[in-house]
N, C-alpha and C. Protein backbone atom coordinates (compact mmCIF):
# COMPACT_ATOMS: atom_id res chain seq x y z
N TRP A 1 -38.47 36.75 6.60
CA TRP A 1 -37.01 36.83 6.71
C TRP A 1 -36.60 36.92 8.17
N GLY A 2 -35.50 36.25 8.55
CA GLY A 2 -35.00 36.28 9.92
C GLY A 2 -34.05 35.13 10.15
N PRO A 3 -33.36 35.13 11.30
CA PRO A 3 -32.39 34.06 11.59
C PRO A 3 -33.00 32.66 11.54
N ASP A 4 -34.27 32.54 11.88
CA ASP A 4 -34.91 31.22 11.87
C ASP A 4 -35.09 30.69 10.45
N LYS A 5 -34.88 31.55 9.46
CA LYS A 5 -35.02 31.13 8.06
C LYS A 5 -33.70 30.67 7.45
N LEU A 6 -32.60 30.88 8.14
CA LEU A 6 -31.29 30.55 7.59
C LEU A 6 -30.99 29.07 7.79
N ARG A 7 -30.36 28.47 6.80
CA ARG A 7 -29.95 27.07 6.87
C ARG A 7 -28.51 26.96 6.38
N LEU A 8 -27.75 26.08 6.99
CA LEU A 8 -26.37 25.83 6.57
C LEU A 8 -26.30 24.44 5.96
N TYR A 9 -25.89 24.39 4.67
CA TYR A 9 -25.80 23.11 3.97
C TYR A 9 -24.45 23.03 3.26
N PRO A 10 -24.03 21.81 2.87
CA PRO A 10 -22.75 21.66 2.18
C PRO A 10 -22.79 22.27 0.78
N ASP A 11 -21.61 22.40 0.19
CA ASP A 11 -21.50 22.79 -1.21
C ASP A 11 -22.31 21.81 -2.06
N PHE A 12 -23.22 22.33 -2.89
CA PHE A 12 -24.14 21.43 -3.60
C PHE A 12 -23.44 20.51 -4.60
N THR A 13 -22.20 20.86 -5.00
CA THR A 13 -21.51 20.02 -5.99
C THR A 13 -21.07 18.68 -5.39
N VAL A 14 -21.16 18.54 -4.07
CA VAL A 14 -20.87 17.25 -3.44
C VAL A 14 -21.70 16.14 -4.08
N ALA A 15 -22.95 16.46 -4.41
CA ALA A 15 -23.87 15.44 -4.91
C ALA A 15 -23.94 15.36 -6.43
N VAL A 16 -23.14 16.17 -7.13
CA VAL A 16 -23.13 16.11 -8.59
C VAL A 16 -22.52 14.78 -9.05
N THR A 17 -23.20 14.09 -9.95
CA THR A 17 -22.73 12.79 -10.43
C THR A 17 -21.58 12.96 -11.41
N PRO A 18 -20.44 12.30 -11.16
CA PRO A 18 -19.32 12.39 -12.10
C PRO A 18 -19.59 11.61 -13.38
N GLU A 19 -18.91 12.00 -14.45
CA GLU A 19 -19.01 11.28 -15.72
C GLU A 19 -17.60 10.97 -16.22
N LEU A 20 -17.47 9.88 -16.95
CA LEU A 20 -16.17 9.53 -17.53
C LEU A 20 -16.41 8.84 -18.88
N PRO A 21 -16.54 9.63 -19.95
CA PRO A 21 -16.78 9.06 -21.28
C PRO A 21 -15.66 8.13 -21.70
N GLY A 22 -15.98 7.21 -22.57
CA GLY A 22 -15.01 6.23 -23.02
C GLY A 22 -13.85 6.82 -23.80
N ASP A 23 -14.02 8.04 -24.35
CA ASP A 23 -12.94 8.62 -25.15
C ASP A 23 -11.93 9.39 -24.29
N VAL A 24 -12.14 9.41 -22.97
CA VAL A 24 -11.16 10.06 -22.08
C VAL A 24 -10.06 9.05 -21.78
N ASP A 25 -8.86 9.38 -22.19
CA ASP A 25 -7.72 8.46 -22.06
C ASP A 25 -6.96 8.76 -20.77
N LEU A 26 -6.99 7.81 -19.83
CA LEU A 26 -6.34 7.99 -18.54
C LEU A 26 -5.25 6.95 -18.33
N PRO A 27 -4.21 7.30 -17.59
CA PRO A 27 -3.24 6.28 -17.20
C PRO A 27 -3.93 5.22 -16.34
N GLU A 28 -3.35 4.03 -16.30
CA GLU A 28 -3.93 2.97 -15.49
C GLU A 28 -3.97 3.38 -14.02
N ARG A 29 -2.91 4.01 -13.55
CA ARG A 29 -2.86 4.52 -12.19
C ARG A 29 -2.16 5.87 -12.21
N PHE A 30 -2.64 6.79 -11.38
CA PHE A 30 -2.01 8.10 -11.33
C PHE A 30 -2.40 8.83 -10.05
N CYS A 31 -1.58 9.79 -9.68
CA CYS A 31 -1.90 10.75 -8.62
C CYS A 31 -2.07 12.11 -9.28
N ALA A 32 -3.16 12.79 -8.95
CA ALA A 32 -3.50 14.04 -9.62
C ALA A 32 -3.01 15.24 -8.83
N LEU A 33 -2.29 16.13 -9.49
CA LEU A 33 -1.93 17.42 -8.91
C LEU A 33 -2.79 18.49 -9.58
N VAL A 34 -3.58 19.18 -8.77
CA VAL A 34 -4.49 20.21 -9.30
C VAL A 34 -4.00 21.57 -8.81
N PRO A 35 -3.32 22.32 -9.66
CA PRO A 35 -2.78 23.62 -9.24
C PRO A 35 -3.87 24.69 -9.23
N ASN A 36 -3.55 25.81 -8.60
CA ASN A 36 -4.47 26.93 -8.55
C ASN A 36 -3.67 28.22 -8.68
N PHE A 37 -3.91 28.96 -9.74
CA PHE A 37 -3.18 30.20 -9.97
C PHE A 37 -3.39 31.20 -8.84
N ARG A 38 -4.53 31.11 -8.13
CA ARG A 38 -4.78 32.01 -7.01
C ARG A 38 -3.74 31.86 -5.91
N MET A 39 -3.10 30.69 -5.85
CA MET A 39 -2.04 30.50 -4.85
C MET A 39 -0.83 31.36 -5.17
N LEU A 40 -0.72 31.82 -6.40
CA LEU A 40 0.38 32.70 -6.77
C LEU A 40 0.05 34.16 -6.52
N ASP A 41 -1.20 34.55 -6.75
CA ASP A 41 -1.52 35.97 -6.63
C ASP A 41 -2.36 36.33 -5.41
N LYS A 42 -2.84 35.33 -4.65
CA LYS A 42 -3.65 35.61 -3.46
C LYS A 42 -2.94 35.26 -2.16
N SER A 43 -2.15 34.20 -2.19
CA SER A 43 -1.54 33.73 -0.94
C SER A 43 -0.33 34.55 -0.53
N GLY A 44 0.28 35.27 -1.48
CA GLY A 44 1.50 35.99 -1.18
C GLY A 44 2.70 35.08 -0.99
N GLN A 45 2.54 33.83 -1.43
CA GLN A 45 3.61 32.84 -1.26
C GLN A 45 3.83 32.09 -2.58
N ALA A 46 4.05 32.84 -3.64
CA ALA A 46 4.17 32.22 -4.96
C ALA A 46 5.32 31.22 -5.03
N GLU A 47 6.51 31.63 -4.63
CA GLU A 47 7.66 30.73 -4.72
C GLU A 47 7.54 29.53 -3.79
N PRO A 48 7.10 29.73 -2.52
CA PRO A 48 6.89 28.55 -1.66
C PRO A 48 5.87 27.57 -2.25
N TYR A 49 4.85 28.09 -2.93
CA TYR A 49 3.86 27.21 -3.52
C TYR A 49 4.46 26.40 -4.67
N LEU A 50 5.21 27.06 -5.53
CA LEU A 50 5.86 26.35 -6.63
C LEU A 50 6.87 25.33 -6.09
N ALA A 51 7.57 25.70 -5.03
CA ALA A 51 8.53 24.77 -4.42
C ALA A 51 7.80 23.55 -3.84
N LEU A 52 6.62 23.78 -3.26
CA LEU A 52 5.82 22.67 -2.73
C LEU A 52 5.42 21.72 -3.84
N LEU A 53 4.98 22.25 -4.97
CA LEU A 53 4.58 21.40 -6.09
C LEU A 53 5.77 20.61 -6.62
N ARG A 54 6.92 21.27 -6.75
CA ARG A 54 8.11 20.55 -7.23
C ARG A 54 8.48 19.43 -6.27
N ARG A 55 8.42 19.72 -4.98
CA ARG A 55 8.75 18.69 -3.99
C ARG A 55 7.74 17.55 -4.02
N ALA A 56 6.46 17.89 -4.23
CA ALA A 56 5.42 16.86 -4.31
C ALA A 56 5.66 15.93 -5.51
N VAL A 57 5.99 16.51 -6.65
CA VAL A 57 6.26 15.70 -7.84
C VAL A 57 7.43 14.76 -7.58
N THR A 58 8.50 15.29 -7.01
CA THR A 58 9.67 14.47 -6.70
C THR A 58 9.31 13.36 -5.72
N GLY A 59 8.54 13.72 -4.68
CA GLY A 59 8.16 12.74 -3.68
C GLY A 59 7.29 11.63 -4.25
N LEU A 60 6.39 11.96 -5.14
CA LEU A 60 5.54 10.95 -5.77
C LEU A 60 6.37 9.99 -6.61
N ARG A 61 7.28 10.55 -7.38
CA ARG A 61 8.13 9.70 -8.23
C ARG A 61 9.02 8.78 -7.39
N GLN A 62 9.55 9.31 -6.30
CA GLN A 62 10.41 8.50 -5.44
C GLN A 62 9.65 7.32 -4.84
N ARG A 63 8.35 7.48 -4.68
CA ARG A 63 7.53 6.41 -4.10
C ARG A 63 6.90 5.51 -5.15
N GLY A 64 7.35 5.65 -6.39
CA GLY A 64 6.85 4.80 -7.45
C GLY A 64 5.45 5.13 -7.91
N LEU A 65 5.00 6.36 -7.63
CA LEU A 65 3.67 6.79 -8.04
C LEU A 65 3.76 7.59 -9.34
N ASN A 66 2.64 7.84 -9.96
CA ASN A 66 2.61 8.44 -11.29
C ASN A 66 1.91 9.80 -11.23
N PRO A 67 2.66 10.91 -11.06
CA PRO A 67 2.02 12.22 -10.97
C PRO A 67 1.61 12.77 -12.33
N VAL A 68 0.41 13.35 -12.39
CA VAL A 68 -0.05 14.06 -13.58
C VAL A 68 -0.75 15.34 -13.11
N PHE A 69 -0.76 16.33 -13.96
CA PHE A 69 -1.53 17.54 -13.68
C PHE A 69 -2.96 17.36 -14.18
N VAL A 70 -3.92 17.81 -13.38
CA VAL A 70 -5.30 17.91 -13.83
C VAL A 70 -5.69 19.38 -13.73
N LEU A 71 -6.05 19.97 -14.86
CA LEU A 71 -6.40 21.39 -14.89
C LEU A 71 -7.90 21.55 -14.63
N HIS A 72 -8.23 22.21 -13.52
CA HIS A 72 -9.64 22.45 -13.21
C HIS A 72 -10.09 23.79 -13.77
N ASP A 73 -9.15 24.69 -14.00
CA ASP A 73 -9.39 25.95 -14.71
C ASP A 73 -8.29 26.04 -15.76
N ALA A 74 -8.58 25.55 -16.95
CA ALA A 74 -7.54 25.37 -17.96
C ALA A 74 -6.85 26.67 -18.33
N GLN A 75 -7.58 27.79 -18.31
CA GLN A 75 -6.98 29.05 -18.75
C GLN A 75 -6.02 29.60 -17.70
N GLU A 76 -6.47 29.74 -16.46
CA GLU A 76 -5.63 30.34 -15.44
C GLU A 76 -4.53 29.41 -14.95
N ASP A 77 -4.91 28.18 -14.64
CA ASP A 77 -3.98 27.29 -13.94
C ASP A 77 -2.87 26.77 -14.84
N ARG A 78 -3.03 26.92 -16.14
CA ARG A 78 -1.95 26.56 -17.04
C ARG A 78 -0.71 27.42 -16.78
N ARG A 79 -0.95 28.59 -16.22
CA ARG A 79 0.17 29.49 -15.93
C ARG A 79 1.05 28.93 -14.81
N VAL A 80 0.43 28.17 -13.89
CA VAL A 80 1.23 27.51 -12.86
C VAL A 80 2.13 26.46 -13.49
N ILE A 81 1.55 25.69 -14.42
CA ILE A 81 2.32 24.66 -15.10
C ILE A 81 3.46 25.29 -15.90
N GLU A 82 3.17 26.41 -16.54
CA GLU A 82 4.22 27.10 -17.31
C GLU A 82 5.34 27.57 -16.40
N ALA A 83 4.97 28.05 -15.20
CA ALA A 83 6.00 28.50 -14.25
C ALA A 83 6.87 27.33 -13.81
N LEU A 84 6.26 26.18 -13.61
CA LEU A 84 7.03 25.00 -13.22
C LEU A 84 7.89 24.50 -14.39
N ALA A 85 7.34 24.57 -15.60
CA ALA A 85 8.09 24.11 -16.77
C ALA A 85 9.34 24.96 -16.98
N SER A 86 9.28 26.23 -16.59
CA SER A 86 10.45 27.10 -16.75
C SER A 86 11.61 26.67 -15.87
N THR A 87 11.31 25.85 -14.84
CA THR A 87 12.36 25.34 -13.96
C THR A 87 12.70 23.89 -14.31
N GLY A 88 12.12 23.39 -15.42
CA GLY A 88 12.46 22.05 -15.88
C GLY A 88 11.52 20.95 -15.44
N GLU A 89 10.41 21.31 -14.74
CA GLU A 89 9.48 20.29 -14.25
C GLU A 89 8.29 20.18 -15.20
N THR A 90 8.17 19.04 -15.87
CA THR A 90 7.04 18.83 -16.79
C THR A 90 6.36 17.51 -16.45
N LEU A 91 5.05 17.49 -16.64
CA LEU A 91 4.23 16.31 -16.39
C LEU A 91 3.15 16.22 -17.45
N PRO A 92 2.56 15.04 -17.66
CA PRO A 92 1.36 14.96 -18.51
C PRO A 92 0.25 15.83 -17.91
N VAL A 93 -0.60 16.36 -18.79
CA VAL A 93 -1.69 17.24 -18.35
C VAL A 93 -3.02 16.66 -18.81
N LEU A 94 -3.95 16.49 -17.87
CA LEU A 94 -5.31 16.06 -18.18
C LEU A 94 -6.25 17.24 -18.02
N GLU A 95 -7.12 17.45 -18.98
CA GLU A 95 -8.09 18.54 -18.89
C GLU A 95 -9.34 18.18 -19.66
N HIS A 96 -10.43 18.87 -19.34
CA HIS A 96 -11.70 18.66 -20.04
C HIS A 96 -12.59 19.86 -19.79
N SER A 97 -13.46 20.17 -20.75
CA SER A 97 -14.33 21.33 -20.62
C SER A 97 -15.53 21.09 -19.71
N ASP A 98 -15.86 19.82 -19.45
CA ASP A 98 -17.04 19.48 -18.64
C ASP A 98 -16.60 19.20 -17.20
N PRO A 99 -17.05 20.00 -16.23
CA PRO A 99 -16.64 19.78 -14.83
C PRO A 99 -17.05 18.41 -14.29
N ARG A 100 -18.12 17.83 -14.84
CA ARG A 100 -18.51 16.49 -14.39
C ARG A 100 -17.50 15.44 -14.84
N VAL A 101 -16.91 15.66 -16.00
CA VAL A 101 -15.85 14.75 -16.47
C VAL A 101 -14.59 14.95 -15.64
N LEU A 102 -14.27 16.20 -15.31
CA LEU A 102 -13.13 16.45 -14.44
C LEU A 102 -13.32 15.74 -13.11
N LYS A 103 -14.54 15.76 -12.61
CA LYS A 103 -14.82 15.05 -11.36
C LYS A 103 -14.61 13.55 -11.56
N GLY A 104 -15.03 13.03 -12.70
CA GLY A 104 -14.82 11.62 -12.99
C GLY A 104 -13.35 11.26 -13.07
N ILE A 105 -12.54 12.15 -13.65
CA ILE A 105 -11.10 11.92 -13.73
C ILE A 105 -10.49 11.87 -12.34
N LEU A 106 -10.85 12.83 -11.50
CA LEU A 106 -10.31 12.86 -10.14
C LEU A 106 -10.73 11.64 -9.34
N GLY A 107 -11.90 11.11 -9.65
CA GLY A 107 -12.37 9.91 -8.96
C GLY A 107 -11.55 8.68 -9.25
N ARG A 108 -10.77 8.71 -10.32
CA ARG A 108 -9.92 7.58 -10.69
C ARG A 108 -8.51 7.67 -10.09
N ALA A 109 -8.18 8.80 -9.49
CA ALA A 109 -6.84 8.99 -8.96
C ALA A 109 -6.63 8.17 -7.69
N ASP A 110 -5.37 7.73 -7.47
CA ASP A 110 -5.03 7.10 -6.19
C ASP A 110 -5.25 8.09 -5.06
N PHE A 111 -4.75 9.29 -5.25
CA PHE A 111 -5.07 10.40 -4.36
C PHE A 111 -4.74 11.70 -5.09
N VAL A 112 -5.15 12.81 -4.48
CA VAL A 112 -5.05 14.12 -5.12
C VAL A 112 -4.23 15.05 -4.24
N ILE A 113 -3.41 15.86 -4.87
CA ILE A 113 -2.75 16.98 -4.19
C ILE A 113 -3.26 18.23 -4.87
N GLY A 114 -4.05 19.03 -4.17
CA GLY A 114 -4.73 20.11 -4.88
C GLY A 114 -4.92 21.38 -4.10
N SER A 115 -5.22 22.43 -4.87
CA SER A 115 -5.49 23.75 -4.31
C SER A 115 -6.76 24.37 -4.86
N ARG A 116 -7.35 23.75 -5.88
CA ARG A 116 -8.63 24.23 -6.41
C ARG A 116 -9.75 23.68 -5.53
N PHE A 117 -10.53 24.59 -4.95
CA PHE A 117 -11.54 24.20 -3.97
C PHE A 117 -12.51 23.16 -4.52
N HIS A 118 -13.07 23.40 -5.70
CA HIS A 118 -14.07 22.48 -6.21
C HIS A 118 -13.46 21.19 -6.76
N ALA A 119 -12.19 21.22 -7.09
CA ALA A 119 -11.52 19.96 -7.42
C ALA A 119 -11.41 19.10 -6.17
N LEU A 120 -11.08 19.73 -5.04
CA LEU A 120 -11.00 19.00 -3.78
C LEU A 120 -12.37 18.47 -3.37
N VAL A 121 -13.40 19.29 -3.54
CA VAL A 121 -14.76 18.83 -3.26
C VAL A 121 -15.09 17.62 -4.13
N GLY A 122 -14.77 17.72 -5.42
CA GLY A 122 -15.08 16.64 -6.35
C GLY A 122 -14.38 15.34 -6.00
N ALA A 123 -13.13 15.44 -5.58
CA ALA A 123 -12.38 14.23 -5.22
C ALA A 123 -12.86 13.67 -3.88
N LEU A 124 -12.94 14.51 -2.87
CA LEU A 124 -13.34 14.05 -1.54
C LEU A 124 -14.75 13.46 -1.54
N SER A 125 -15.65 14.03 -2.34
CA SER A 125 -17.02 13.53 -2.37
C SER A 125 -17.10 12.13 -2.96
N GLN A 126 -16.02 11.68 -3.62
CA GLN A 126 -15.95 10.32 -4.15
C GLN A 126 -15.07 9.41 -3.27
N GLY A 127 -14.66 9.94 -2.12
CA GLY A 127 -13.84 9.16 -1.21
C GLY A 127 -12.38 9.14 -1.56
N VAL A 128 -11.94 10.00 -2.47
CA VAL A 128 -10.53 10.03 -2.86
C VAL A 128 -9.75 10.89 -1.86
N PRO A 129 -8.76 10.34 -1.18
CA PRO A 129 -7.98 11.15 -0.24
C PRO A 129 -7.27 12.29 -0.95
N CYS A 130 -7.17 13.42 -0.26
CA CYS A 130 -6.54 14.60 -0.84
C CYS A 130 -5.57 15.23 0.15
N LEU A 131 -4.45 15.70 -0.36
CA LEU A 131 -3.60 16.63 0.37
C LEU A 131 -3.94 18.02 -0.17
N GLY A 132 -4.32 18.91 0.72
CA GLY A 132 -4.75 20.22 0.27
C GLY A 132 -3.82 21.33 0.71
N ALA A 133 -3.72 22.35 -0.12
CA ALA A 133 -3.00 23.58 0.22
C ALA A 133 -3.87 24.73 -0.27
N GLY A 134 -4.34 25.56 0.65
CA GLY A 134 -5.26 26.62 0.26
C GLY A 134 -4.85 27.97 0.80
N TRP A 135 -5.55 29.01 0.36
CA TRP A 135 -5.19 30.35 0.76
C TRP A 135 -6.29 31.06 1.54
N SER A 136 -7.41 30.39 1.80
CA SER A 136 -8.49 31.04 2.54
C SER A 136 -9.06 30.11 3.61
N HIS A 137 -9.94 30.66 4.45
CA HIS A 137 -10.54 29.92 5.56
C HIS A 137 -11.39 28.74 5.11
N LYS A 138 -11.85 28.77 3.86
CA LYS A 138 -12.78 27.72 3.42
C LYS A 138 -12.11 26.35 3.28
N TYR A 139 -10.80 26.33 3.12
CA TYR A 139 -10.12 25.04 2.96
C TYR A 139 -10.11 24.23 4.26
N PRO A 140 -9.73 24.80 5.40
CA PRO A 140 -9.84 24.03 6.65
C PRO A 140 -11.26 23.56 6.92
N GLU A 141 -12.25 24.41 6.62
CA GLU A 141 -13.64 24.01 6.84
C GLU A 141 -14.01 22.82 5.95
N LEU A 142 -13.54 22.83 4.72
CA LEU A 142 -13.83 21.74 3.79
C LEU A 142 -13.25 20.43 4.31
N PHE A 143 -12.00 20.45 4.71
CA PHE A 143 -11.35 19.22 5.16
C PHE A 143 -11.96 18.72 6.47
N ARG A 144 -12.38 19.62 7.32
CA ARG A 144 -13.07 19.18 8.54
C ARG A 144 -14.39 18.52 8.21
N SER A 145 -15.10 19.06 7.24
CA SER A 145 -16.41 18.50 6.89
C SER A 145 -16.30 17.09 6.33
N PHE A 146 -15.14 16.76 5.73
CA PHE A 146 -14.92 15.41 5.21
C PHE A 146 -14.10 14.56 6.18
N ASP A 147 -13.97 15.02 7.42
CA ASP A 147 -13.31 14.25 8.49
C ASP A 147 -11.86 13.91 8.13
N CYS A 148 -11.17 14.85 7.50
CA CYS A 148 -9.77 14.58 7.14
C CYS A 148 -8.92 15.84 7.30
N ALA A 149 -9.16 16.56 8.39
CA ALA A 149 -8.45 17.82 8.62
C ALA A 149 -6.94 17.63 8.64
N GLU A 150 -6.49 16.43 9.02
CA GLU A 150 -5.05 16.17 9.10
C GLU A 150 -4.38 16.17 7.72
N LEU A 151 -5.17 16.06 6.66
CA LEU A 151 -4.59 16.00 5.31
C LEU A 151 -4.42 17.38 4.67
N LEU A 152 -4.85 18.43 5.37
CA LEU A 152 -4.62 19.78 4.87
C LEU A 152 -3.23 20.23 5.30
N LEU A 153 -2.39 20.61 4.35
CA LEU A 153 -1.03 21.05 4.66
C LEU A 153 -1.08 22.43 5.30
N SER A 154 -0.55 22.53 6.50
CA SER A 154 -0.68 23.77 7.26
C SER A 154 0.29 24.85 6.82
N GLU A 155 1.49 24.46 6.36
CA GLU A 155 2.50 25.42 5.93
C GLU A 155 3.09 24.97 4.60
N LEU A 156 3.12 25.86 3.63
CA LEU A 156 3.65 25.49 2.32
C LEU A 156 5.10 25.05 2.39
N GLY A 157 5.86 25.65 3.29
CA GLY A 157 7.28 25.34 3.38
C GLY A 157 7.62 24.18 4.30
N ASP A 158 6.61 23.55 4.88
CA ASP A 158 6.86 22.43 5.80
C ASP A 158 6.97 21.14 4.99
N PHE A 159 8.14 20.90 4.43
CA PHE A 159 8.33 19.72 3.59
C PHE A 159 8.31 18.42 4.40
N ALA A 160 8.66 18.50 5.68
CA ALA A 160 8.60 17.31 6.53
C ALA A 160 7.15 16.83 6.64
N GLN A 161 6.22 17.79 6.80
CA GLN A 161 4.80 17.42 6.85
C GLN A 161 4.35 16.82 5.53
N LEU A 162 4.78 17.42 4.43
CA LEU A 162 4.43 16.90 3.11
C LEU A 162 4.93 15.47 2.94
N GLU A 163 6.19 15.23 3.27
CA GLU A 163 6.75 13.89 3.11
C GLU A 163 6.03 12.88 3.99
N ASN A 164 5.67 13.29 5.19
CA ASN A 164 4.93 12.40 6.08
C ASN A 164 3.58 12.02 5.50
N ARG A 165 2.88 13.01 4.94
CA ARG A 165 1.56 12.72 4.36
C ARG A 165 1.70 11.88 3.09
N LEU A 166 2.75 12.11 2.32
CA LEU A 166 2.97 11.29 1.13
C LEU A 166 3.24 9.84 1.52
N ASP A 167 4.03 9.65 2.58
CA ASP A 167 4.27 8.28 3.07
C ASP A 167 2.96 7.60 3.44
N THR A 168 2.09 8.35 4.11
CA THR A 168 0.81 7.79 4.54
C THR A 168 -0.05 7.37 3.36
N LEU A 169 -0.21 8.26 2.39
CA LEU A 169 -1.11 7.98 1.28
C LEU A 169 -0.50 7.06 0.23
N ALA A 170 0.82 6.96 0.22
CA ALA A 170 1.46 6.02 -0.71
C ALA A 170 1.27 4.58 -0.25
N ASP A 171 1.00 4.40 1.03
CA ASP A 171 0.77 3.07 1.58
C ASP A 171 -0.67 2.64 1.31
N ARG A 172 -0.85 1.52 0.63
CA ARG A 172 -2.19 1.10 0.20
C ARG A 172 -3.17 0.95 1.36
N GLU A 173 -2.72 0.33 2.46
CA GLU A 173 -3.62 0.11 3.59
C GLU A 173 -4.03 1.43 4.24
N HIS A 174 -3.07 2.31 4.44
CA HIS A 174 -3.40 3.61 5.03
C HIS A 174 -4.31 4.41 4.10
N ARG A 175 -4.03 4.34 2.81
CA ARG A 175 -4.85 5.08 1.86
C ARG A 175 -6.29 4.56 1.86
N GLN A 176 -6.46 3.25 1.94
CA GLN A 176 -7.79 2.67 1.98
C GLN A 176 -8.52 3.06 3.25
N SER A 177 -7.79 3.13 4.36
CA SER A 177 -8.40 3.55 5.61
C SER A 177 -8.93 4.98 5.51
N TRP A 178 -8.13 5.86 4.91
CA TRP A 178 -8.57 7.23 4.70
C TRP A 178 -9.76 7.28 3.74
N ARG A 179 -9.72 6.44 2.72
CA ARG A 179 -10.81 6.42 1.75
C ARG A 179 -12.14 6.07 2.44
N GLN A 180 -12.12 5.07 3.28
CA GLN A 180 -13.34 4.66 3.97
C GLN A 180 -13.85 5.75 4.91
N ARG A 181 -12.92 6.38 5.61
CA ARG A 181 -13.29 7.47 6.52
C ARG A 181 -13.92 8.63 5.76
N ILE A 182 -13.32 8.99 4.64
CA ILE A 182 -13.82 10.11 3.83
C ILE A 182 -15.16 9.74 3.20
N GLN A 183 -15.32 8.52 2.73
CA GLN A 183 -16.58 8.07 2.13
C GLN A 183 -17.73 8.15 3.12
N THR A 184 -17.46 7.82 4.37
CA THR A 184 -18.51 7.91 5.40
C THR A 184 -18.97 9.35 5.56
N ALA A 185 -18.00 10.27 5.64
CA ALA A 185 -18.36 11.68 5.76
C ALA A 185 -19.06 12.19 4.51
N ALA A 186 -18.59 11.72 3.34
CA ALA A 186 -19.19 12.16 2.07
C ALA A 186 -20.65 11.72 1.98
N ALA A 187 -20.95 10.51 2.43
CA ALA A 187 -22.33 10.02 2.37
C ALA A 187 -23.25 10.91 3.20
N ALA A 188 -22.78 11.32 4.37
CA ALA A 188 -23.59 12.19 5.22
C ALA A 188 -23.78 13.56 4.58
N LEU A 189 -22.74 14.09 3.94
CA LEU A 189 -22.84 15.39 3.28
C LEU A 189 -23.79 15.33 2.08
N LYS A 190 -23.75 14.23 1.34
CA LYS A 190 -24.66 14.08 0.20
C LYS A 190 -26.11 14.02 0.66
N GLU A 191 -26.36 13.33 1.77
CA GLU A 191 -27.72 13.26 2.29
C GLU A 191 -28.20 14.64 2.73
N ARG A 192 -27.32 15.42 3.34
CA ARG A 192 -27.69 16.79 3.72
C ARG A 192 -27.98 17.64 2.49
N THR A 193 -27.22 17.42 1.42
CA THR A 193 -27.45 18.17 0.18
C THR A 193 -28.79 17.80 -0.44
N HIS A 194 -29.12 16.51 -0.46
CA HIS A 194 -30.43 16.09 -0.97
C HIS A 194 -31.55 16.69 -0.12
N ARG A 195 -31.31 16.75 1.19
CA ARG A 195 -32.32 17.34 2.08
C ARG A 195 -32.50 18.83 1.77
N MET A 196 -31.39 19.50 1.45
CA MET A 196 -31.48 20.92 1.09
C MET A 196 -32.37 21.12 -0.13
N TRP A 197 -32.14 20.29 -1.19
CA TRP A 197 -32.94 20.45 -2.40
C TRP A 197 -34.41 20.12 -2.13
N ARG A 198 -34.68 19.14 -1.27
CA ARG A 198 -36.09 18.85 -0.93
C ARG A 198 -36.72 20.04 -0.23
N GLU A 199 -35.95 20.69 0.64
CA GLU A 199 -36.49 21.86 1.34
C GLU A 199 -36.72 23.01 0.38
N VAL A 200 -35.78 23.20 -0.55
CA VAL A 200 -35.96 24.25 -1.56
C VAL A 200 -37.22 23.99 -2.38
N GLU A 201 -37.38 22.75 -2.83
CA GLU A 201 -38.56 22.40 -3.64
C GLU A 201 -39.85 22.57 -2.86
N ASP A 202 -39.85 22.15 -1.59
CA ASP A 202 -41.05 22.31 -0.77
C ASP A 202 -41.40 23.78 -0.56
N THR A 203 -40.35 24.60 -0.38
CA THR A 203 -40.58 26.03 -0.19
C THR A 203 -41.16 26.67 -1.45
N ILE A 204 -40.62 26.27 -2.61
CA ILE A 204 -41.12 26.81 -3.88
C ILE A 204 -42.57 26.41 -4.09
N ARG A 205 -42.86 25.13 -3.83
CA ARG A 205 -44.24 24.66 -4.00
C ARG A 205 -45.20 25.38 -3.06
N ALA A 206 -44.74 25.58 -1.81
CA ALA A 206 -45.59 26.28 -0.85
C ALA A 206 -45.84 27.71 -1.29
N GLY A 207 -44.80 28.35 -1.80
CA GLY A 207 -44.96 29.71 -2.28
C GLY A 207 -45.86 29.80 -3.48
N ALA A 208 -45.75 28.83 -4.39
CA ALA A 208 -46.61 28.81 -5.56
C ALA A 208 -48.07 28.59 -5.15
N GLY A 209 -48.27 27.78 -4.12
CA GLY A 209 -49.64 27.53 -3.65
C GLY A 209 -50.25 28.76 -3.05
N VAL A 210 -49.45 29.52 -2.31
CA VAL A 210 -49.96 30.76 -1.72
C VAL A 210 -50.30 31.77 -2.80
N ALA A 211 -49.37 31.87 -3.80
CA ALA A 211 -49.58 32.84 -4.88
C ALA A 211 -50.81 32.50 -5.69
N GLY A 212 -51.10 31.20 -5.83
CA GLY A 212 -52.22 30.82 -6.68
C GLY A 212 -53.55 30.77 -5.97
N SER A 213 -53.54 31.01 -4.66
CA SER A 213 -54.81 30.88 -3.90
C SER A 213 -55.61 32.17 -3.93
């Protein structure tokens, strides 16, 4: 044990293969909004967060895009949807019990607006551009690792920033440019993750060899 034994690797779910069974019914095109109930009870900005989601929905519709909710934690995050519904904002909801299928759903989105960390990982690892809003230090680190720090919303109440980012991602050419940039970063992160598992396996084998000698 010691500092020389420590290794820093990406979130291992970067390399998890998405699935999309034929019985999952998706719109032909959609933008996914992935809410996070923690933004209501951890960020201390419940109303600004709900206002951001309402503004995002309006902005997507104004740009001719198709917003839908994707629930990454069906039990908790449904409460965010209920809070929005109480103000008259309703959208179709996509959900599934298998996180690999949820990853597959997010992979089909034009882009994602999300606050669930692993939903953002799942989308970005497939090259899907994301606008992120988070409540802890791990969100800026995540977006930097995928070379898209500019897509993390810095202030929930900064609607000018939100509108600017929506304009960028609503444009097909700009969205494709971001997709290619994110895919390049994702490929490097996946290779680091595979390297991590090889190191883990080598360490286990080495330990088993010592124990058996």
